[in-house]
């Protein structure tokens, strides 16, 4: 395929070469190519005007999708403990009422002392069970807090399942992402990151922050955070790549991918400076995005850039730099 493309380039160059002027011995601009309007049409040259664009560079981070069974199991255990507490508390309340009644009957000489002693023993037993279940619930709260942080703990230790419903239904996946330590602003801003399991940025999907994670991922350095994202291609247990937007955005232009050409490991674009003149410019700093390449220098908003046919212009420019044989 490349052979045919090169032959096409050669044919076009031969067709338009009489109309092209590069550097001559008088010292003209070595980056300028002059091409008549009708020759531009023949060569399929197309241009577009660059517009200003804002761009936030991104930091790459890593994490994993967490199985939510542990979270749901803790939630169900908490509900069971709460039910048990309510049962024991109700029975203890009855014991308190019963012992007061027995004390009154004993003082009036209506009831035997043994009955009062039996009721006191029952009251002490119910009190011990109530203390035990209270201690169990408090211990569970502390354990959940240490493992899951404030917000997830509030979801787990709730009588309602509304917050956990998307995870129960499988619509959402729980993530733990470790971010650089200087990205703590993310939690405060509520910003969105993008995650993907194969490392392909173009396939990444948004994930929303839940809260910070009390325990960091042993495999990554930095601060860990819990996120949630829609289920689909991301499954529990998958390792993930995350893209974190920088806090400050830059101003520049988006250069289409078809406009960049390479020679000697350097990137170039061609700017149309008048009806028949194209100027070659080297790009020293550019960032790949889904839309093209974000550039903050060399080219500016309003520049008319060659979007199609830049490779042909580069071939002609390089050919023009080859010295003639004497």
Protein backbone atom coordinates (compact mmCIF):
# COMPACT_ATOMS: atom_id res chain seq x y z
CA UNK A 1 0.00 0.00 0.00
CA UNK A 2 2.87 2.39 0.85
CA UNK A 3 4.49 1.76 -2.56
CA UNK A 4 1.38 2.93 -4.41
CA UNK A 5 1.10 5.95 -2.09
CA UNK A 6 4.72 6.91 -2.76
CA UNK A 7 4.18 6.54 -6.50
CA UNK A 8 1.13 8.82 -6.24
CA UNK A 9 3.14 11.41 -4.33
CA UNK A 10 5.89 11.22 -6.96
CA UNK A 11 3.37 11.67 -9.79
CA UNK A 12 1.78 14.70 -8.14
CA UNK A 13 5.17 16.23 -7.43
CA UNK A 14 6.22 15.77 -11.06
CA UNK A 15 2.96 17.38 -12.16
CA UNK A 16 3.27 20.46 -10.00
CA UNK A 17 7.06 20.77 -9.70
CA UNK A 18 7.29 23.47 -12.39
CA UNK A 19 4.94 25.55 -10.27
CA UNK A 20 6.74 25.03 -6.97
CA UNK A 21 9.53 27.23 -5.67
CA UNK A 22 11.57 26.38 -2.60
CA UNK A 23 14.81 27.94 -1.46
CA UNK A 24 16.99 29.31 -4.22
CA UNK A 25 20.49 30.65 -4.24
CA UNK A 26 19.18 34.15 -3.50
CA UNK A 27 18.35 32.99 0.02
CA UNK A 28 14.56 32.64 0.01
CA UNK A 29 12.75 31.05 2.99
CA UNK A 30 13.74 27.39 3.17
CA UNK A 31 10.36 26.55 4.74
CA UNK A 32 8.21 28.14 2.02
CA UNK A 33 6.46 26.26 -0.76
CA UNK A 34 4.76 28.22 -3.56
CA UNK A 35 1.95 26.40 -5.32
CA UNK A 36 -0.48 27.83 -7.86
CA UNK A 37 -4.18 27.66 -7.02
CA UNK A 38 -5.05 25.23 -9.81
CA UNK A 39 -2.12 23.01 -8.80
CA UNK A 40 -3.45 22.96 -5.22
CA UNK A 41 -6.73 21.59 -6.51
CA UNK A 42 -4.92 19.01 -8.60
CA UNK A 43 -2.89 17.88 -5.58
CA UNK A 44 -5.98 17.72 -3.36
CA UNK A 45 -4.70 20.35 -0.93
CA UNK A 46 -7.31 21.23 1.70
CA UNK A 47 -7.00 23.73 4.54
CA UNK A 48 -8.87 24.77 7.66
CA UNK A 49 -8.68 27.75 10.00
CA UNK A 50 -7.53 26.96 13.54
CA UNK A 51 -9.75 28.03 16.40
CA UNK A 52 -8.80 28.60 20.01
CA UNK A 53 -9.30 25.65 22.33
CA UNK A 54 -9.03 24.95 26.03
CA UNK A 55 -7.35 21.79 27.20
CA UNK A 56 -6.61 20.18 30.54
CA UNK A 57 -3.64 17.89 30.53
CA UNK A 58 -4.12 14.61 32.36
CA UNK A 59 -2.26 12.60 34.97
CA UNK A 60 -2.29 8.82 34.60
CA UNK A 61 -3.12 6.80 37.70
CA UNK A 62 -4.01 3.20 38.48
CA UNK A 63 -6.47 1.20 40.55
CA UNK A 64 -8.93 -1.67 40.47
CA UNK A 65 -12.60 -2.57 40.48
CA UNK A 66 -13.69 -3.87 43.87
CA UNK A 67 -16.19 -6.67 44.45
CA UNK A 68 -19.13 -5.14 46.32
CA UNK A 69 -20.14 -8.41 47.99
CA UNK A 70 -18.17 -7.45 51.09
CA UNK A 71 -19.95 -4.08 51.30
CA UNK A 72 -23.36 -5.64 50.85
CA UNK A 73 -22.58 -8.39 53.37
CA UNK A 74 -21.65 -5.78 55.96
CA UNK A 75 -24.85 -3.87 55.26
CA UNK A 76 -26.97 -6.99 55.72
CA UNK A 77 -25.05 -7.91 58.88
CA UNK A 78 -25.70 -4.45 60.28
CA UNK A 79 -29.43 -4.77 59.59
CA UNK A 80 -29.46 -8.14 61.34
CA UNK A 81 -27.63 -6.72 64.34
CA UNK A 82 -30.02 -3.78 64.43
CA UNK A 83 -33.02 -6.11 64.39
CA UNK A 84 -31.50 -8.19 67.17
CA UNK A 85 -30.79 -5.06 69.20
CA UNK A 86 -34.40 -3.90 68.86
CA UNK A 87 -35.65 -7.33 69.96
CA UNK A 88 -33.37 -7.48 73.01
CA UNK A 89 -34.06 -3.84 73.92
CA UNK A 90 -37.82 -4.52 73.87
CA UNK A 91 -37.40 -7.57 76.09
CA UNK A 92 -35.16 -5.60 78.49
CA UNK A 93 -37.80 -2.88 78.72
CA UNK A 94 -40.35 -5.53 79.67
CA UNK A 95 -37.93 -6.89 82.30
CA UNK A 96 -37.56 -3.44 83.83
CA UNK A 97 -41.30 -3.03 84.05
CA UNK A 98 -41.68 -6.53 85.49
CA UNK A 99 -39.05 -6.05 88.21
CA UNK A 100 -40.63 -2.77 89.31
CA UNK A 101 -43.96 -4.57 89.60
CA UNK A 102 -42.39 -7.40 91.62
CA UNK A 103 -40.71 -4.92 93.95
CA UNK A 104 -44.06 -3.24 94.62
CA UNK A 105 -45.77 -6.60 95.22
CA UNK A 106 -42.97 -7.75 97.52
CA UNK A 107 -43.13 -4.52 99.55
CA UNK A 108 -46.89 -4.97 99.91
CA UNK A 109 -46.38 -8.56 101.07
CA UNK A 110 -48.32 -9.95 98.14
CA UNK A 111 -45.39 -11.67 96.38
CA UNK A 112 -42.63 -13.91 97.76
CA UNK A 113 -39.00 -12.81 97.83
CA UNK A 114 -38.09 -15.71 95.53
CA UNK A 115 -40.27 -14.25 92.79
CA UNK A 116 -38.46 -10.94 93.13
CA UNK A 117 -35.07 -12.70 92.97
CA UNK A 118 -36.06 -14.62 89.84
CA UNK A 119 -37.19 -11.41 88.18
CA UNK A 120 -33.93 -9.71 89.15
CA UNK A 121 -31.96 -12.59 87.57
CA UNK A 122 -33.99 -12.25 84.36
CA UNK A 123 -33.41 -8.49 84.34
CA UNK A 124 -29.63 -8.99 84.74
CA UNK A 125 -29.60 -11.55 81.90
CA UNK A 126 -31.50 -9.25 79.57
CA UNK A 127 -29.25 -6.34 80.54
CA UNK A 128 -26.13 -8.40 79.73
CA UNK A 129 -27.53 -9.36 76.30
CA UNK A 130 -28.39 -5.74 75.59
CA UNK A 131 -24.85 -4.64 76.51
CA UNK A 132 -23.41 -7.40 74.32
CA UNK A 133 -25.39 -6.45 71.22
CA UNK A 134 -24.57 -2.76 71.76
CA UNK A 135 -20.88 -3.63 71.96
CA UNK A 136 -21.16 -5.76 68.82
CA UNK A 137 -22.80 -2.93 66.86
CA UNK A 138 -20.23 -0.39 68.08
CA UNK A 139 -17.36 -2.71 67.16
CA UNK A 140 -18.85 -3.21 63.70
CA UNK A 141 -19.19 0.56 63.19
CA UNK A 142 -15.54 1.10 64.07
CA UNK A 143 -14.39 -1.72 61.78
CA UNK A 144 -16.45 -0.42 58.85
CA UNK A 145 -15.17 3.11 59.44
CA UNK A 146 -11.54 1.97 59.37
CA UNK A 147 -12.02 0.00 56.15
CA UNK A 148 -14.44 2.10 54.11
CA UNK A 149 -14.28 5.73 55.24
CA UNK A 150 -17.03 8.15 56.16
CA UNK A 151 -19.35 8.12 53.16
CA UNK A 152 -19.34 4.41 52.36
CA UNK A 153 -19.67 3.69 56.09
CA UNK A 154 -22.79 5.87 56.17
CA UNK A 155 -24.21 3.84 53.27
CA UNK A 156 -23.34 0.52 54.92
CA UNK A 157 -24.57 1.52 58.38
CA UNK A 158 -27.93 2.73 57.20
CA UNK A 159 -31.36 1.18 57.55
CA UNK A 160 -32.04 2.24 53.95
CA UNK A 161 -30.57 0.58 50.86
CA UNK A 162 -31.12 3.53 48.49
CA UNK A 163 -27.43 4.49 48.21
CA UNK A 164 -26.33 0.88 47.71
CA UNK A 165 -29.16 -0.01 45.32
CA UNK A 166 -27.15 0.71 42.11
CA UNK A 167 -24.44 -1.70 43.30
CA UNK A 168 -26.99 -4.33 44.34
CA UNK A 169 -28.67 -4.16 40.92
CA UNK A 170 -25.32 -4.29 39.12
CA UNK A 171 -25.73 -0.90 37.46
CA UNK A 172 -22.67 0.58 39.18
CA UNK A 173 -19.19 -0.75 39.97
CA UNK A 174 -17.11 0.27 42.99
CA UNK A 175 -13.54 1.37 42.23
CA UNK A 176 -10.46 2.13 44.30
CA UNK A 177 -8.04 4.43 42.48
CA UNK A 178 -4.69 5.57 43.85
CA UNK A 179 -3.91 9.14 42.83
CA UNK A 180 -0.74 11.19 43.29
CA UNK A 181 -0.62 12.72 46.74
CA UNK A 182 -0.87 16.26 45.33
CA UNK A 183 -4.30 15.53 43.79
CA UNK A 184 -6.30 15.86 47.01
CA UNK A 185 -8.20 18.78 45.45
CA UNK A 186 -10.13 16.19 43.41
CA UNK A 187 -12.25 15.08 46.35
CA UNK A 188 -13.15 18.66 47.24
CA UNK A 189 -13.99 19.65 43.68
CA UNK A 190 -16.04 16.56 42.92
CA UNK A 191 -14.29 16.29 39.56
CA UNK A 192 -14.73 13.35 37.24
CA UNK A 193 -11.94 11.01 36.21
CA UNK A 194 -11.92 8.52 33.32
CA UNK A 195 -11.16 4.82 33.68
CA UNK A 196 -10.55 1.89 31.36
CA UNK A 197 -9.36 -1.69 31.85
CA UNK A 198 -7.12 -2.07 28.78
CA UNK A 199 -5.33 1.29 29.01
CA UNK A 200 -7.04 2.74 25.93
CA UNK A 201 -7.84 6.39 26.63
CA UNK A 202 -10.30 6.60 23.73
CA UNK A 203 -12.44 3.89 25.37
CA UNK A 204 -12.36 5.34 28.88
CA UNK A 205 -15.61 6.05 30.72
CA UNK A 206 -16.30 8.62 33.45
CA UNK A 207 -16.16 7.73 37.13
CA UNK A 208 -17.46 9.88 39.98
CA UNK A 209 -15.72 10.19 43.31
CA UNK A 210 -17.37 8.82 46.46
CA UNK A 211 -14.81 9.58 49.16
CA UNK A 212 -11.24 9.02 50.23
CA UNK A 213 -10.18 5.48 51.16
CA UNK A 214 -8.71 5.03 54.66
CA UNK A 215 -6.31 2.37 53.39
CA UNK A 216 -4.17 2.82 50.31
CA UNK A 217 -3.53 0.19 47.66
CA UNK A 218 -0.32 -1.63 48.51
CA UNK A 219 0.65 -1.84 44.85
CA UNK A 220 0.52 1.90 44.16
CA UNK A 221 1.98 4.96 45.85
CA UNK A 222 -0.27 7.88 46.69
CA UNK A 223 -3.69 8.55 48.18
CA UNK A 224 -6.50 6.12 47.44
CA UNK A 225 -10.08 7.15 46.70
CA UNK A 226 -13.33 5.30 46.13
CA UNK A 227 -15.14 5.98 42.85
CA UNK A 228 -18.18 4.58 41.14
CA UNK A 229 -18.80 4.04 37.45
CA UNK A 230 -21.43 2.36 35.33
CA UNK A 231 -21.11 -1.38 34.89
CA UNK A 232 -20.45 -2.86 31.48
CA UNK A 233 -16.97 -3.66 30.29
CA UNK A 234 -15.52 -3.05 33.77
CA UNK A 235 -15.92 -6.04 36.07
CA UNK A 236 -14.97 -6.62 39.69
CA UNK A 237 -11.33 -7.62 40.07
CA UNK A 238 -10.10 -5.82 36.94
CA UNK A 239 -7.01 -3.62 37.12
CA UNK A 240 -7.73 -0.14 35.75
CA UNK A 241 -5.95 2.82 34.25
CA UNK A 242 -7.34 6.19 35.28
CA UNK A 243 -6.89 9.63 33.72
CA UNK A 244 -7.07 12.57 36.08
CA UNK A 245 -7.57 16.08 34.62
CA UNK A 246 -5.14 18.74 35.75
CA UNK A 247 -6.55 21.51 37.91
CA UNK A 248 -5.58 24.29 35.49
CA UNK A 249 -6.49 24.36 31.81
CA UNK A 250 -4.32 25.67 28.97
CA UNK A 251 -5.23 27.79 25.97
CA UNK A 252 -4.09 26.77 22.50
CA UNK A 253 -5.38 25.14 19.31
CA UNK A 254 -6.33 21.63 18.20
CA UNK A 255 -4.40 20.53 15.12
CA UNK A 256 -6.07 17.66 13.21
CA UNK A 257 -4.11 14.42 13.07
CA UNK A 258 -4.02 14.53 9.27
CA UNK A 259 -2.16 17.86 9.40
CA UNK A 260 0.96 16.50 11.12
CA UNK A 261 3.79 15.10 9.03
CA UNK A 262 7.09 13.70 10.23
CA UNK A 263 10.62 13.95 8.91
CA UNK A 264 13.78 12.95 10.76
CA UNK A 265 11.76 12.29 13.95
CA UNK A 266 10.40 15.83 13.90
CA UNK A 267 6.77 16.88 13.53
CA UNK A 268 5.77 19.56 11.02
CA UNK A 269 2.64 21.34 9.81
CA UNK A 270 2.09 23.60 6.81
CA UNK A 271 0.45 27.02 7.21
CA UNK A 272 -1.07 28.78 4.21
CA UNK A 273 0.20 32.35 4.40
CA UNK A 274 -1.35 33.61 1.15
CA UNK A 275 -3.20 32.21 -1.84
CA UNK A 276 -0.17 30.35 -3.21
CA UNK A 277 2.34 30.15 -0.36
CA UNK A 278 2.66 27.49 2.35
CA UNK A 279 5.07 27.79 5.25
CA UNK A 280 6.44 24.72 7.01
CA UNK A 281 6.61 24.92 10.81
CA UNK A 282 8.10 22.49 13.26
CA UNK A 283 6.04 21.55 16.32
CA UNK A 284 8.27 21.19 19.34
CA UNK A 285 5.51 20.66 21.89
CA UNK A 286 2.18 18.95 21.28
CA UNK A 287 -0.20 16.66 23.18
CA UNK A 288 -2.27 13.89 21.62
CA UNK A 289 -6.03 14.13 22.28
CA UNK A 290 -9.09 12.37 20.90
CA UNK A 291 -9.71 15.29 18.51
CA UNK A 292 -6.12 15.71 17.32
CA UNK A 293 -3.03 17.39 18.77
CA UNK A 294 -3.23 20.21 21.28
CA UNK A 295 -0.58 22.88 20.58
CA UNK A 296 0.21 25.96 22.66
CA UNK A 297 2.98 27.47 20.51
CA UNK A 298 4.19 27.61 16.88
CA UNK A 299 0.64 27.86 15.52
CA UNK A 300 -2.11 30.19 16.69
CA UNK A 301 -5.88 30.67 16.36
CA UNK A 302 -6.63 32.11 12.92
CA UNK A 303 -3.80 30.28 11.14
CA UNK A 304 -4.93 28.47 8.01
CA UNK A 305 -3.43 25.00 8.31
CA UNK A 306 -3.15 22.30 5.64
CA UNK A 307 -5.41 19.48 6.81
CA UNK A 308 -5.10 17.30 3.69
CA UNK A 309 -2.06 17.04 1.43
CA UNK A 310 0.62 18.03 3.95
CA UNK A 311 2.64 14.91 3.16
CA UNK A 312 2.87 15.90 -0.49
CA UNK A 313 4.07 19.38 0.46
CA UNK A 314 6.68 17.89 2.79
CA UNK A 315 7.96 15.59 0.05
CA UNK A 316 8.29 18.53 -2.30
CA UNK A 317 10.01 20.65 0.36
CA UNK A 318 12.54 17.92 1.09
CA UNK A 319 13.11 17.29 -2.61
CA UNK A 320 13.76 20.99 -3.10
CA UNK A 321 16.52 20.88 -0.48
CA UNK A 322 18.54 18.28 -2.39
CA UNK A 323 21.37 20.15 -4.20
CA UNK A 324 21.56 19.84 -7.99
CA UNK A 325 24.54 18.02 -9.49
CA UNK A 326 27.03 20.33 -11.15
